[in-house]
Amino acid sequence: MSEELVFDHEQVRTHGFDLYEGTALDVRAVVAGMPQDVKDGFRVHEVPFSRFRHAHGGPGDDVPELLTRLRSADADVSGPALEQLWDSLVHQGTVGSVAPLTVPFLLRVAADPAAHHRASTIRLANVVARQQHWGFGTRDTFLQVVTQGWSCDCSGYAMNWSIEASRNAITADVDLLLPHLHNPDPDVRTSACYALATTSGRATCVTEALRTRLATEQDPTVRASLLLAVAELTVENADLHVATWARALWSEPAQPVEVRMSAALAWLCLVDDPVPDELRTMVDALLTDDLVDFFDRVPWIAHVDEKGLVRTLDQMLNNAKPGVIDPWDEEPWPDA
């Protein structure tokens, strides 16, 4: 098998991407076969990055050096390396096929207490494990990690495989992420929640850890993120008890406002029930400009769009049309 990432598109059109399944060009197989000592020893030069491509379509042969620089004790070295990795691995919703190979190393950089930019490093490992669907905050899509159907990156590679491989890499290193739920930095804790929600296995263990942390968490952004992470895991691993739990939270006036609103969003995504008047009344009472601005810091809401809470609620409660708003459209934003 050629070491270069070159698909025969005629063959793919006839036989599908399964033609390459399990081969040296299947990034899922490469991630699964990465030796533990290569990951733990940060032996990036033993990983076939050059076989795969950036989000822009170029070869990934510069990634080992960027990952090495990311570990630098000098923030002026690690910062630009992280920026370049962000630009290379994921761009405008496209996940490059080289991205999954970076995930084990990104998580190990973030696990180092001396590392810089730990929250953003975790977030990068997580963003390449999600399919971007900006503007979609419907009950079916808000907590959806990946949509059905095939999509390709700029080089023609199956982006579904890249996202699946990244999720598998995160799942394999859940034990590196769980301690971040107790990190002193709330941004790190928030990023950890968003990453843990993408795991494709160990849902019971992760859900238990998230709910345990929620019982003592004091930061509002992290509280909202913990709750939405539990709900997102539940979407793929059905648990009716979580829907019942979420309803109890949004129905309880004594709960903090961000908990009630997050629980309402979670419940709406976990059940097919009509929207009860009680929930609409709660939303009308709690929704303010300050709350909208607050939720822009919660990754799930920021994933939808600016003023994401307003747009999400409009889609969930009123069946508003989803999609990115055209900045030239004369239609104004809904009032918060």
C-alpha atoms as a PDB file:
ATOM      1  CA  MET A   1       0.000   0.000   0.000  1.00  0.00           C
ATOM      2  CA  SER A   2       1.331   3.408  -0.929  1.00  0.00           C
ATOM      3  CA  GLU A   3       2.441   5.623   1.945  1.00  0.00           C
ATOM      4  CA  GLU A   4       0.789   8.593   0.266  1.00  0.00           C
ATOM      5  CA  LEU A   5      -2.783   9.609   0.906  1.00  0.00           C
ATOM      6  CA  VAL A   6      -4.098   9.175  -2.599  1.00  0.00           C
ATOM      7  CA  PHE A   7      -7.527   7.754  -3.180  1.00  0.00           C
ATOM      8  CA  ASP A   8      -8.671   6.382  -6.485  1.00  0.00           C
ATOM      9  CA  HIS A   9     -11.851   8.418  -6.616  1.00  0.00           C
ATOM     10  CA  GLU A  10     -13.278   6.384  -9.459  1.00  0.00           C
ATOM     11  CA  GLN A  11     -12.940   3.268  -7.325  1.00  0.00           C
ATOM     12  CA  VAL A  12     -14.421   5.066  -4.317  1.00  0.00           C
ATOM     13  CA  ARG A  13     -17.417   6.173  -6.367  1.00  0.00           C
ATOM     14  CA  THR A  14     -17.961   2.578  -7.407  1.00  0.00           C
ATOM     15  CA  HIS A  15     -17.081   0.688  -4.231  1.00  0.00           C
ATOM     16  CA  GLY A  16     -17.218   3.347  -1.486  1.00  0.00           C
ATOM     17  CA  PHE A  17     -14.567   4.197   1.065  1.00  0.00           C
ATOM     18  CA  ASP A  18     -14.773   0.676   2.443  1.00  0.00           C
ATOM     19  CA  LEU A  19     -12.241  -0.122  -0.273  1.00  0.00           C
ATOM     20  CA  TYR A  20      -9.603   1.321   2.087  1.00  0.00           C
ATOM     21  CA  GLU A  21     -11.041   0.028   5.360  1.00  0.00           C
ATOM     22  CA  GLY A  22      -8.402  -1.469   7.641  1.00  0.00           C
ATOM     23  CA  THR A  23      -5.516  -0.514   5.355  1.00  0.00           C
ATOM     24  CA  ALA A  24      -2.564   1.757   6.020  1.00  0.00           C
ATOM     25  CA  LEU A  25      -4.721   4.611   4.723  1.00  0.00           C
ATOM     26  CA  ASP A  26      -7.479   4.035   7.279  1.00  0.00           C
ATOM     27  CA  VAL A  27      -6.636   6.512  10.041  1.00  0.00           C
ATOM     28  CA  ARG A  28      -8.866   4.598  12.444  1.00  0.00           C
ATOM     29  CA  ALA A  29      -6.657   1.546  12.054  1.00  0.00           C
ATOM     30  CA  VAL A  30      -3.501   3.619  12.445  1.00  0.00           C
ATOM     31  CA  VAL A  31      -4.755   5.234  15.653  1.00  0.00           C
ATOM     32  CA  ALA A  32      -5.897   1.876  17.040  1.00  0.00           C
ATOM     33  CA  GLY A  33      -2.508   0.350  16.258  1.00  0.00           C
ATOM     34  CA  MET A  34      -0.430   3.127  17.812  1.00  0.00           C
ATOM     35  CA  PRO A  35       1.733   1.458  20.514  1.00  0.00           C
ATOM     36  CA  GLN A  36       1.206   2.636  24.075  1.00  0.00           C
ATOM     37  CA  ASP A  37       4.912   3.314  24.559  1.00  0.00           C
ATOM     38  CA  VAL A  38       4.923   5.563  21.478  1.00  0.00           C
ATOM     39  CA  LYS A  39       2.131   7.639  22.971  1.00  0.00           C
ATOM     40  CA  ASP A  40       3.474   7.721  26.516  1.00  0.00           C
ATOM     41  CA  GLY A  41       7.022   8.349  25.349  1.00  0.00           C
ATOM     42  CA  PHE A  42       5.866  11.137  23.020  1.00  0.00           C
ATOM     43  CA  ARG A  43       7.706   9.421  20.148  1.00  0.00           C
ATOM     44  CA  VAL A  44       5.957  11.529  17.517  1.00  0.00           C
ATOM     45  CA  HIS A  45       8.529  10.797  14.830  1.00  0.00           C
ATOM     46  CA  GLU A  46       7.452   7.138  14.817  1.00  0.00           C
ATOM     47  CA  VAL A  47       3.893   8.047  13.770  1.00  0.00           C
ATOM     48  CA  PRO A  48       3.072   8.244  10.018  1.00  0.00           C
ATOM     49  CA  PHE A  49       1.829  11.842  10.022  1.00  0.00           C
ATOM     50  CA  SER A  50       3.079  12.425   6.473  1.00  0.00           C
ATOM     51  CA  ARG A  51       0.697   9.738   5.198  1.00  0.00           C
ATOM     52  CA  PHE A  52      -2.280  11.951   6.055  1.00  0.00           C
ATOM     53  CA  ARG A  53      -3.394  15.499   5.339  1.00  0.00           C
ATOM     54  CA  HIS A  54      -4.186  18.802   6.999  1.00  0.00           C
ATOM     55  CA  ALA A  55      -7.653  20.318   6.844  1.00  0.00           C
ATOM     56  CA  HIS A  56      -6.330  22.528   4.017  1.00  0.00           C
ATOM     57  CA  GLY A  57      -5.242  19.465   2.067  1.00  0.00           C
ATOM     58  CA  GLY A  58      -1.464  19.690   2.543  1.00  0.00           C
ATOM     59  CA  PRO A  59       0.670  16.847   3.934  1.00  0.00           C
ATOM     60  CA  GLY A  60       0.985  16.456   7.699  1.00  0.00           C
ATOM     61  CA  ASP A  61       4.740  16.055   7.790  1.00  0.00           C
ATOM     62  CA  ASP A  62       5.183  19.229   9.875  1.00  0.00           C
ATOM     63  CA  VAL A  63       3.001  17.963  12.713  1.00  0.00           C
ATOM     64  CA  PRO A  64       5.717  16.160  14.751  1.00  0.00           C
ATOM     65  CA  GLU A  65       7.725  19.377  15.051  1.00  0.00           C
ATOM     66  CA  LEU A  66       4.635  21.379  16.003  1.00  0.00           C
ATOM     67  CA  LEU A  67       3.729  18.873  18.716  1.00  0.00           C
ATOM     68  CA  THR A  68       7.295  18.970  20.024  1.00  0.00           C
ATOM     69  CA  ARG A  69       7.191  22.765  20.183  1.00  0.00           C
ATOM     70  CA  LEU A  70       3.824  22.620  21.934  1.00  0.00           C
ATOM     71  CA  ARG A  71       5.584  20.931  24.878  1.00  0.00           C
ATOM     72  CA  SER A  72       8.049  23.782  25.240  1.00  0.00           C
ATOM     73  CA  ALA A  73       8.409  25.445  28.627  1.00  0.00           C
ATOM     74  CA  ASP A  74       8.548  28.745  26.748  1.00  0.00           C
ATOM     75  CA  ALA A  75       5.023  30.059  26.159  1.00  0.00           C
ATOM     76  CA  ASP A  76       6.328  32.100  23.223  1.00  0.00           C
ATOM     77  CA  VAL A  77       7.231  28.806  21.543  1.00  0.00           C
ATOM     78  CA  SER A  78       4.267  26.663  22.559  1.00  0.00           C
ATOM     79  CA  GLY A  79       1.649  29.321  21.832  1.00  0.00           C
ATOM     80  CA  PRO A  80       2.411  29.781  18.110  1.00  0.00           C
ATOM     81  CA  ALA A  81       2.731  26.005  17.733  1.00  0.00           C
ATOM     82  CA  LEU A  82      -0.760  25.548  19.142  1.00  0.00           C
ATOM     83  CA  GLU A  83      -2.152  28.253  16.873  1.00  0.00           C
ATOM     84  CA  GLN A  84      -0.613  26.578  13.848  1.00  0.00           C
ATOM     85  CA  LEU A  85      -1.994  23.196  14.892  1.00  0.00           C
ATOM     86  CA  TRP A  86      -5.464  24.682  15.229  1.00  0.00           C
ATOM     87  CA  ASP A  87      -5.210  26.179  11.746  1.00  0.00           C
ATOM     88  CA  SER A  88      -3.842  22.979  10.240  1.00  0.00           C
ATOM     89  CA  LEU A  89      -5.978  20.298  11.878  1.00  0.00           C
ATOM     90  CA  VAL A  90      -9.427  21.865  11.694  1.00  0.00           C
ATOM     91  CA  HIS A  91     -10.585  24.720   9.509  1.00  0.00           C
ATOM     92  CA  GLN A  92     -14.113  26.051   9.011  1.00  0.00           C
ATOM     93  CA  GLY A  93     -15.647  22.754  10.040  1.00  0.00           C
ATOM     94  CA  THR A  94     -13.239  20.531   8.113  1.00  0.00           C
ATOM     95  CA  VAL A  95     -11.238  17.972  10.111  1.00  0.00           C
ATOM     96  CA  GLY A  96      -8.033  16.911   8.379  1.00  0.00           C
ATOM     97  CA  SER A  97      -7.188  13.216   8.250  1.00  0.00           C
ATOM     98  CA  VAL A  98      -3.926  13.849  10.129  1.00  0.00           C
ATOM     99  CA  ALA A  99      -5.831  15.264  13.120  1.00  0.00           C
ATOM    100  CA  PRO A 100      -6.670  11.975  14.908  1.00  0.00           C
ATOM    101  CA  LEU A 101      -2.985  11.073  15.101  1.00  0.00           C
ATOM    102  CA  THR A 102      -2.358  14.187  17.199  1.00  0.00           C
ATOM    103  CA  VAL A 103      -5.026  13.471  19.808  1.00  0.00           C
ATOM    104  CA  PRO A 104      -2.989  11.116  22.063  1.00  0.00           C
ATOM    105  CA  PHE A 105      -0.159  13.666  22.146  1.00  0.00           C
ATOM    106  CA  LEU A 106      -2.405  16.681  22.691  1.00  0.00           C
ATOM    107  CA  LEU A 107      -3.954  14.925  25.688  1.00  0.00           C
ATOM    108  CA  ARG A 108      -0.517  14.134  27.107  1.00  0.00           C
ATOM    109  CA  VAL A 109       0.603  17.742  26.734  1.00  0.00           C
ATOM    110  CA  ALA A 110      -2.551  18.881  28.548  1.00  0.00           C
ATOM    111  CA  ALA A 111      -1.938  16.337  31.321  1.00  0.00           C
ATOM    112  CA  ASP A 112       1.388  17.996  32.163  1.00  0.00           C
ATOM    113  CA  PRO A 113       0.832  20.503  35.007  1.00  0.00           C
ATOM    114  CA  ALA A 114       3.715  22.584  33.664  1.00  0.00           C
ATOM    115  CA  ALA A 115       2.253  22.873  30.164  1.00  0.00           C
ATOM    116  CA  HIS A 116       0.893  26.124  28.777  1.00  0.00           C
ATOM    117  CA  HIS A 117      -2.542  26.560  27.131  1.00  0.00           C
ATOM    118  CA  ARG A 118      -3.971  23.403  28.671  1.00  0.00           C
ATOM    119  CA  ALA A 119      -7.628  24.292  28.127  1.00  0.00           C
ATOM    120  CA  SER A 120      -7.121  25.170  24.458  1.00  0.00           C
ATOM    121  CA  THR A 121      -5.056  22.031  23.908  1.00  0.00           C
ATOM    122  CA  ILE A 122      -7.855  19.856  25.282  1.00  0.00           C
ATOM    123  CA  ARG A 123     -10.363  21.788  23.200  1.00  0.00           C
ATOM    124  CA  LEU A 124      -8.371  21.119  20.022  1.00  0.00           C
ATOM    125  CA  ALA A 125      -8.284  17.383  20.767  1.00  0.00           C
ATOM    126  CA  ASN A 126     -12.027  17.537  21.188  1.00  0.00           C
ATOM    127  CA  VAL A 127     -12.939  19.729  18.209  1.00  0.00           C
ATOM    128  CA  VAL A 128     -11.377  17.219  15.815  1.00  0.00           C
ATOM    129  CA  ALA A 129     -13.646  14.586  17.376  1.00  0.00           C
ATOM    130  CA  ARG A 130     -16.828  16.452  16.431  1.00  0.00           C
ATOM    131  CA  GLN A 131     -18.623  17.225  13.212  1.00  0.00           C
ATOM    132  CA  GLN A 132     -19.346  20.932  13.065  1.00  0.00           C
ATOM    133  CA  HIS A 133     -22.970  21.834  12.424  1.00  0.00           C
ATOM    134  CA  TRP A 134     -23.094  25.556  13.033  1.00  0.00           C
ATOM    135  CA  GLY A 135     -26.484  27.118  13.402  1.00  0.00           C
ATOM    136  CA  PHE A 136     -28.195  23.826  14.220  1.00  0.00           C
ATOM    137  CA  GLY A 137     -29.606  23.861  17.736  1.00  0.00           C
ATOM    138  CA  THR A 138     -32.594  21.625  17.128  1.00  0.00           C
ATOM    139  CA  ARG A 139     -33.638  18.896  19.514  1.00  0.00           C
ATOM    140  CA  ASP A 140     -32.181  16.320  17.118  1.00  0.00           C
ATOM    141  CA  THR A 141     -28.839  18.027  16.449  1.00  0.00           C
ATOM    142  CA  PHE A 142     -27.853  20.077  19.501  1.00  0.00           C
ATOM    143  CA  LEU A 143     -26.261  17.128  21.325  1.00  0.00           C
ATOM    144  CA  GLN A 144     -25.214  15.213  18.226  1.00  0.00           C
ATOM    145  CA  VAL A 145     -21.480  14.547  17.986  1.00  0.00           C
ATOM    146  CA  VAL A 146     -21.622  13.419  14.377  1.00  0.00           C
ATOM    147  CA  THR A 147     -24.342  13.332  11.733  1.00  0.00           C
ATOM    148  CA  GLN A 148     -25.210  10.447   9.447  1.00  0.00           C
ATOM    149  CA  GLY A 149     -23.936  10.281   5.885  1.00  0.00           C
ATOM    150  CA  TRP A 150     -20.535  10.669   4.302  1.00  0.00           C
ATOM    151  CA  SER A 151     -18.536  13.895   4.199  1.00  0.00           C
ATOM    152  CA  CYS A 152     -15.032  14.528   2.882  1.00  0.00           C
ATOM    153  CA  ASP A 153     -12.166  16.860   3.699  1.00  0.00           C
ATOM    154  CA  CYS A 154     -10.280  18.999   1.207  1.00  0.00           C
ATOM    155  CA  SER A 155      -8.138  16.060   0.066  1.00  0.00           C
ATOM    156  CA  GLY A 156     -11.161  13.840  -0.547  1.00  0.00           C
ATOM    157  CA  TYR A 157     -10.611  11.757   2.582  1.00  0.00           C
ATOM    158  CA  ALA A 158     -13.590  10.363   4.488  1.00  0.00           C
ATOM    159  CA  MET A 159     -14.001  12.869   7.320  1.00  0.00           C
ATOM    160  CA  ASN A 160     -16.323  10.410   9.073  1.00  0.00           C
ATOM    161  CA  TRP A 161     -13.308   8.170   9.593  1.00  0.00           C
ATOM    162  CA  SER A 162     -11.198  11.040  10.927  1.00  0.00           C
ATOM    163  CA  ILE A 163     -13.838  12.009  13.479  1.00  0.00           C
ATOM    164  CA  GLU A 164     -14.397   8.400  14.497  1.00  0.00           C
ATOM    165  CA  ALA A 165     -10.648   7.901  14.946  1.00  0.00           C
ATOM    166  CA  SER A 166     -10.383  11.047  17.083  1.00  0.00           C
ATOM    167  CA  ARG A 167     -13.258   9.916  19.271  1.00  0.00           C
ATOM    168  CA  ASN A 168     -11.634   6.522  19.678  1.00  0.00           C
ATOM    169  CA  ALA A 169      -8.358   8.185  20.657  1.00  0.00           C
ATOM    170  CA  ILE A 170     -10.127  10.255  23.314  1.00  0.00           C
ATOM    171  CA  THR A 171     -11.913   7.160  24.606  1.00  0.00           C
ATOM    172  CA  ALA A 172      -8.612   5.306  24.900  1.00  0.00           C
ATOM    173  CA  ASP A 173      -7.247   8.121  27.064  1.00  0.00           C
ATOM    174  CA  VAL A 174     -10.279   8.856  29.227  1.00  0.00           C
ATOM    175  CA  ASP A 175      -8.107   8.345  32.305  1.00  0.00           C
ATOM    176  CA  LEU A 176      -5.992  11.333  31.253  1.00  0.00           C
ATOM    177  CA  LEU A 177      -9.089  13.530  30.950  1.00  0.00           C
ATOM    178  CA  LEU A 178     -11.028  12.619  34.088  1.00  0.00           C
ATOM    179  CA  PRO A 179      -8.554  14.297  36.497  1.00  0.00           C
ATOM    180  CA  HIS A 180      -9.124  17.591  34.656  1.00  0.00           C
ATOM    181  CA  LEU A 181     -12.621  17.708  36.156  1.00  0.00           C
ATOM    182  CA  HIS A 182     -10.859  18.748  39.376  1.00  0.00           C
ATOM    183  CA  ASN A 183      -8.348  21.155  37.811  1.00  0.00           C
ATOM    184  CA  PRO A 184      -8.173  24.547  39.580  1.00  0.00           C
ATOM    185  CA  ASP A 185      -8.740  26.321  36.240  1.00  0.00           C
ATOM    186  CA  PRO A 186     -12.453  26.370  35.304  1.00  0.00           C
ATOM    187  CA  ASP A 187     -11.557  26.714  31.612  1.00  0.00           C
ATOM    188  CA  VAL A 188      -9.701  23.402  31.821  1.00  0.00           C
ATOM    189  CA  ARG A 189     -12.662  21.792  33.576  1.00  0.00           C
ATOM    190  CA  THR A 190     -15.046  23.112  30.912  1.00  0.00           C
ATOM    191  CA  SER A 191     -12.846  21.832  28.086  1.00  0.00           C
ATOM    192  CA  ALA A 192     -12.601  18.447  29.786  1.00  0.00           C
ATOM    193  CA  CYS A 193     -16.403  18.206  29.953  1.00  0.00           C
ATOM    194  CA  TYR A 194     -16.714  18.953  26.247  1.00  0.00           C
ATOM    195  CA  ALA A 195     -14.087  16.343  25.402  1.00  0.00           C
ATOM    196  CA  LEU A 196     -15.431  13.633  27.696  1.00  0.00           C
ATOM    197  CA  ALA A 197     -18.845  13.982  26.061  1.00  0.00           C
ATOM    198  CA  THR A 198     -17.410  12.702  22.767  1.00  0.00           C
ATOM    199  CA  THR A 199     -16.160   9.402  24.147  1.00  0.00           C
ATOM    200  CA  SER A 200     -17.407   6.431  22.182  1.00  0.00           C
ATOM    201  CA  GLY A 201     -17.138   4.043  25.112  1.00  0.00           C
ATOM    202  CA  ARG A 202     -17.026   3.925  28.929  1.00  0.00           C
ATOM    203  CA  ALA A 203     -20.154   6.076  29.060  1.00  0.00           C
ATOM    204  CA  THR A 204     -21.223   4.769  32.467  1.00  0.00           C
ATOM    205  CA  CYS A 205     -17.870   5.545  34.076  1.00  0.00           C
ATOM    206  CA  VAL A 206     -17.644   9.003  32.514  1.00  0.00           C
ATOM    207  CA  THR A 207     -21.267   9.897  33.327  1.00  0.00           C
ATOM    208  CA  GLU A 208     -20.754   8.935  36.955  1.00  0.00           C
ATOM    209  CA  ALA A 209     -17.659  11.127  37.177  1.00  0.00           C
ATOM    210  CA  LEU A 210     -19.463  14.092  35.600  1.00  0.00           C
ATOM    211  CA  ARG A 211     -22.472  13.819  37.899  1.00  0.00           C
ATOM    212  CA  THR A 212     -20.259  13.415  40.952  1.00  0.00           C
ATOM    213  CA  ARG A 213     -18.384  16.591  40.057  1.00  0.00           C
ATOM    214  CA  LEU A 214     -21.638  18.474  39.451  1.00  0.00           C
ATOM    215  CA  ALA A 215     -22.597  17.908  43.085  1.00  0.00           C
ATOM    216  CA  THR A 216     -19.670  20.070  44.270  1.00  0.00           C
ATOM    217  CA  GLU A 217     -18.900  22.322  41.286  1.00  0.00           C
ATOM    218  CA  GLN A 218     -19.105  26.069  42.050  1.00  0.00           C
ATOM    219  CA  ASP A 219     -18.353  27.618  38.663  1.00  0.00           C
ATOM    220  CA  PRO A 220     -21.526  28.316  36.616  1.00  0.00           C
ATOM    221  CA  THR A 221     -19.938  27.636  33.199  1.00  0.00           C
ATOM    222  CA  VAL A 222     -18.552  24.320  34.380  1.00  0.00           C
ATOM    223  CA  ARG A 223     -21.889  23.377  35.958  1.00  0.00           C
ATOM    224  CA  ALA A 224     -23.668  23.958  32.655  1.00  0.00           C
ATOM    225  CA  SER A 225     -20.969  21.994  30.822  1.00  0.00           C
ATOM    226  CA  LEU A 226     -21.106  19.057  33.208  1.00  0.00           C
ATOM    227  CA  LEU A 227     -24.844  18.745  32.738  1.00  0.00           C
ATOM    228  CA  LEU A 228     -24.737  19.002  28.953  1.00  0.00           C
ATOM    229  CA  ALA A 229     -21.887  16.495  28.800  1.00  0.00           C
ATOM    230  CA  VAL A 230     -23.980  13.959  30.726  1.00  0.00           C
ATOM    231  CA  ALA A 231     -26.865  14.569  28.338  1.00  0.00           C
ATOM    232  CA  GLU A 232     -24.700  14.244  25.228  1.00  0.00           C
ATOM    233  CA  LEU A 233     -23.361  10.906  26.423  1.00  0.00           C
ATOM    234  CA  THR A 234     -26.935   9.803  27.063  1.00  0.00           C
ATOM    235  CA  VAL A 235     -28.043  10.616  23.514  1.00  0.00           C
ATOM    236  CA  GLU A 236     -25.857   7.787  22.213  1.00  0.00           C
ATOM    237  CA  ASN A 237     -26.248   5.558  25.275  1.00  0.00           C
ATOM    238  CA  ALA A 238     -29.941   5.695  26.095  1.00  0.00           C
ATOM    239  CA  ASP A 239     -30.681   6.062  29.792  1.00  0.00           C
ATOM    240  CA  LEU A 240     -34.201   7.156  30.692  1.00  0.00           C
ATOM    241  CA  HIS A 241     -33.060   7.978  34.214  1.00  0.00           C
ATOM    242  CA  VAL A 242     -31.006  10.905  32.881  1.00  0.00           C
ATOM    243  CA  ALA A 243     -34.060  12.460  31.228  1.00  0.00           C
ATOM    244  CA  THR A 244     -35.962  12.145  34.504  1.00  0.00           C
ATOM    245  CA  TRP A 245     -33.028  13.674  36.364  1.00  0.00           C
ATOM    246  CA  ALA A 246     -32.821  16.570  33.901  1.00  0.00           C
ATOM    247  CA  ARG A 247     -36.533  17.305  34.243  1.00  0.00           C
ATOM    248  CA  ALA A 248     -36.243  17.375  38.010  1.00  0.00           C
ATOM    249  CA  LEU A 249     -33.418  19.920  37.723  1.00  0.00           C
ATOM    250  CA  TRP A 250     -35.156  22.339  35.366  1.00  0.00           C
ATOM    251  CA  SER A 251     -38.378  22.079  37.346  1.00  0.00           C
ATOM    252  CA  GLU A 252     -36.745  23.019  40.637  1.00  0.00           C
ATOM    253  CA  PRO A 253     -36.777  26.821  41.278  1.00  0.00           C
ATOM    254  CA  ALA A 254     -34.032  26.498  43.888  1.00  0.00           C
ATOM    255  CA  GLN A 255     -31.510  25.325  41.289  1.00  0.00           C
ATOM    256  CA  PRO A 256     -29.083  27.933  39.822  1.00  0.00           C
ATOM    257  CA  VAL A 257     -30.373  29.525  36.631  1.00  0.00           C
ATOM    258  CA  GLU A 258     -27.635  28.018  34.429  1.00  0.00           C
ATOM    259  CA  VAL A 259     -28.423  24.551  35.789  1.00  0.00           C
ATOM    260  CA  ARG A 260     -32.135  24.937  35.088  1.00  0.00           C
ATOM    261  CA  MET A 261     -31.569  26.214  31.554  1.00  0.00           C
ATOM    262  CA  SER A 262     -28.967  23.554  30.718  1.00  0.00           C
ATOM    263  CA  ALA A 263     -31.214  20.861  32.161  1.00  0.00           C
ATOM    264  CA  ALA A 264     -34.100  22.125  30.026  1.00  0.00           C
ATOM    265  CA  LEU A 265     -31.979  21.936  26.876  1.00  0.00           C
ATOM    266  CA  ALA A 266     -30.800  18.477  27.861  1.00  0.00           C
ATOM    267  CA  TRP A 267     -34.312  17.217  28.549  1.00  0.00           C
ATOM    268  CA  LEU A 268     -35.611  18.543  25.238  1.00  0.00           C
ATOM    269  CA  CYS A 269     -32.909  16.580  23.409  1.00  0.00           C
ATOM    270  CA  LEU A 270     -33.461  13.379  25.377  1.00  0.00           C
ATOM    271  CA  VAL A 271     -37.215  13.006  24.935  1.00  0.00           C
ATOM    272  CA  ASP A 272     -39.772  13.330  22.163  1.00  0.00           C
ATOM    273  CA  ASP A 273     -42.436  14.821  24.434  1.00  0.00           C
ATOM    274  CA  PRO A 274     -44.220  18.022  23.423  1.00  0.00           C
ATOM    275  CA  VAL A 275     -42.797  21.116  25.089  1.00  0.00           C
ATOM    276  CA  PRO A 276     -44.726  21.579  28.347  1.00  0.00           C
ATOM    277  CA  ASP A 277     -46.130  24.962  29.293  1.00  0.00           C
ATOM    278  CA  GLU A 278     -44.156  24.756  32.524  1.00  0.00           C
ATOM    279  CA  LEU A 279     -40.892  24.760  30.579  1.00  0.00           C
ATOM    280  CA  ARG A 280     -41.946  27.654  28.349  1.00  0.00           C
ATOM    281  CA  THR A 281     -42.890  29.662  31.419  1.00  0.00           C
ATOM    282  CA  MET A 282     -39.539  28.936  33.020  1.00  0.00           C
ATOM    283  CA  VAL A 283     -37.645  30.018  29.891  1.00  0.00           C
ATOM    284  CA  ASP A 284     -39.632  33.252  29.641  1.00  0.00           C
ATOM    285  CA  ALA A 285     -38.852  34.024  33.276  1.00  0.00           C
ATOM    286  CA  LEU A 286     -35.136  33.230  33.168  1.00  0.00           C
ATOM    287  CA  LEU A 287     -34.029  34.361  29.708  1.00  0.00           C
ATOM    288  CA  THR A 288     -32.124  37.664  29.916  1.00  0.00           C
ATOM    289  CA  ASP A 289     -29.380  39.363  27.938  1.00  0.00           C
ATOM    290  CA  ASP A 290     -26.921  38.482  30.698  1.00  0.00           C
ATOM    291  CA  LEU A 291     -27.867  34.804  30.543  1.00  0.00           C
ATOM    292  CA  VAL A 292     -27.518  34.800  26.751  1.00  0.00           C
ATOM    293  CA  ASP A 293     -24.034  36.328  27.065  1.00  0.00           C
ATOM    294  CA  PHE A 294     -23.136  33.823  29.769  1.00  0.00           C
ATOM    295  CA  PHE A 295     -24.108  30.835  27.645  1.00  0.00           C
ATOM    296  CA  ASP A 296     -21.882  32.043  24.812  1.00  0.00           C
ATOM    297  CA  ARG A 297     -19.045  30.730  27.009  1.00  0.00           C
ATOM    298  CA  VAL A 298     -20.558  27.245  27.173  1.00  0.00           C
ATOM    299  CA  PRO A 299     -19.054  25.171  24.314  1.00  0.00           C
ATOM    300  CA  TRP A 300     -22.302  23.557  23.156  1.00  0.00           C
ATOM    301  CA  ILE A 301     -23.969  26.952  22.800  1.00  0.00           C
ATOM    302  CA  ALA A 302     -20.947  28.600  21.208  1.00  0.00           C
ATOM    303  CA  HIS A 303     -20.998  25.692  18.742  1.00  0.00           C
ATOM    304  CA  VAL A 304     -24.377  26.876  17.465  1.00  0.00           C
ATOM    305  CA  ASP A 305     -23.600  30.544  16.833  1.00  0.00           C
ATOM    306  CA  GLU A 306     -23.311  33.951  18.420  1.00  0.00           C
ATOM    307  CA  LYS A 307     -26.315  34.471  20.718  1.00  0.00           C
ATOM    308  CA  GLY A 308     -26.546  30.705  20.547  1.00  0.00           C
ATOM    309  CA  LEU A 309     -28.928  30.350  23.467  1.00  0.00           C
ATOM    310  CA  VAL A 310     -31.582  32.488  21.759  1.00  0.00           C
ATOM    311  CA  ARG A 311     -31.207  30.632  18.489  1.00  0.00           C
ATOM    312  CA  THR A 312     -31.188  27.231  20.182  1.00  0.00           C
ATOM    313  CA  LEU A 313     -34.300  27.918  22.214  1.00  0.00           C
ATOM    314  CA  ASP A 314     -36.089  29.299  19.164  1.00  0.00           C
ATOM    315  CA  GLN A 315     -35.350  26.094  17.267  1.00  0.00           C
ATOM    316  CA  MET A 316     -36.237  23.774  20.132  1.00  0.00           C
ATOM    317  CA  LEU A 317     -39.368  25.555  21.317  1.00  0.00           C
ATOM    318  CA  ASN A 318     -40.712  27.137  18.143  1.00  0.00           C
ATOM    319  CA  ASN A 319     -39.334  24.919  15.368  1.00  0.00           C
ATOM    320  CA  ALA A 320     -37.428  27.899  13.959  1.00  0.00           C
ATOM    321  CA  LYS A 321     -35.416  27.211  10.830  1.00  0.00           C
ATOM    322  CA  PRO A 322     -31.870  26.041  11.687  1.00  0.00           C
ATOM    323  CA  GLY A 323     -28.682  27.112   9.951  1.00  0.00           C
ATOM    324  CA  VAL A 324     -26.129  29.884  10.070  1.00  0.00           C
ATOM    325  CA  ILE A 325     -27.679  33.345   9.943  1.00  0.00           C
ATOM    326  CA  ASP A 326     -26.775  35.404   6.876  1.00  0.00           C
ATOM    327  CA  PRO A 327     -25.126  38.608   8.191  1.00  0.00           C
ATOM    328  CA  TRP A 328     -26.632  40.512   5.236  1.00  0.00           C
ATOM    329  CA  ASP A 329     -30.137  39.324   5.975  1.00  0.00           C
ATOM    330  CA  GLU A 330     -32.373  42.171   7.074  1.00  0.00           C
ATOM    331  CA  GLU A 331     -34.185  39.891   9.509  1.00  0.00           C
ATOM    332  CA  PRO A 332     -33.051  40.956  13.015  1.00  0.00           C
ATOM    333  CA  TRP A 333     -31.946  38.660  15.816  1.00  0.00           C
ATOM    334  CA  PRO A 334     -34.792  37.505  18.021  1.00  0.00           C
ATOM    335  CA  ASP A 335     -35.037  39.516  21.214  1.00  0.00           C
ATOM    336  CA  ALA A 336     -33.412  37.829  24.178  1.00  0.00           C
END
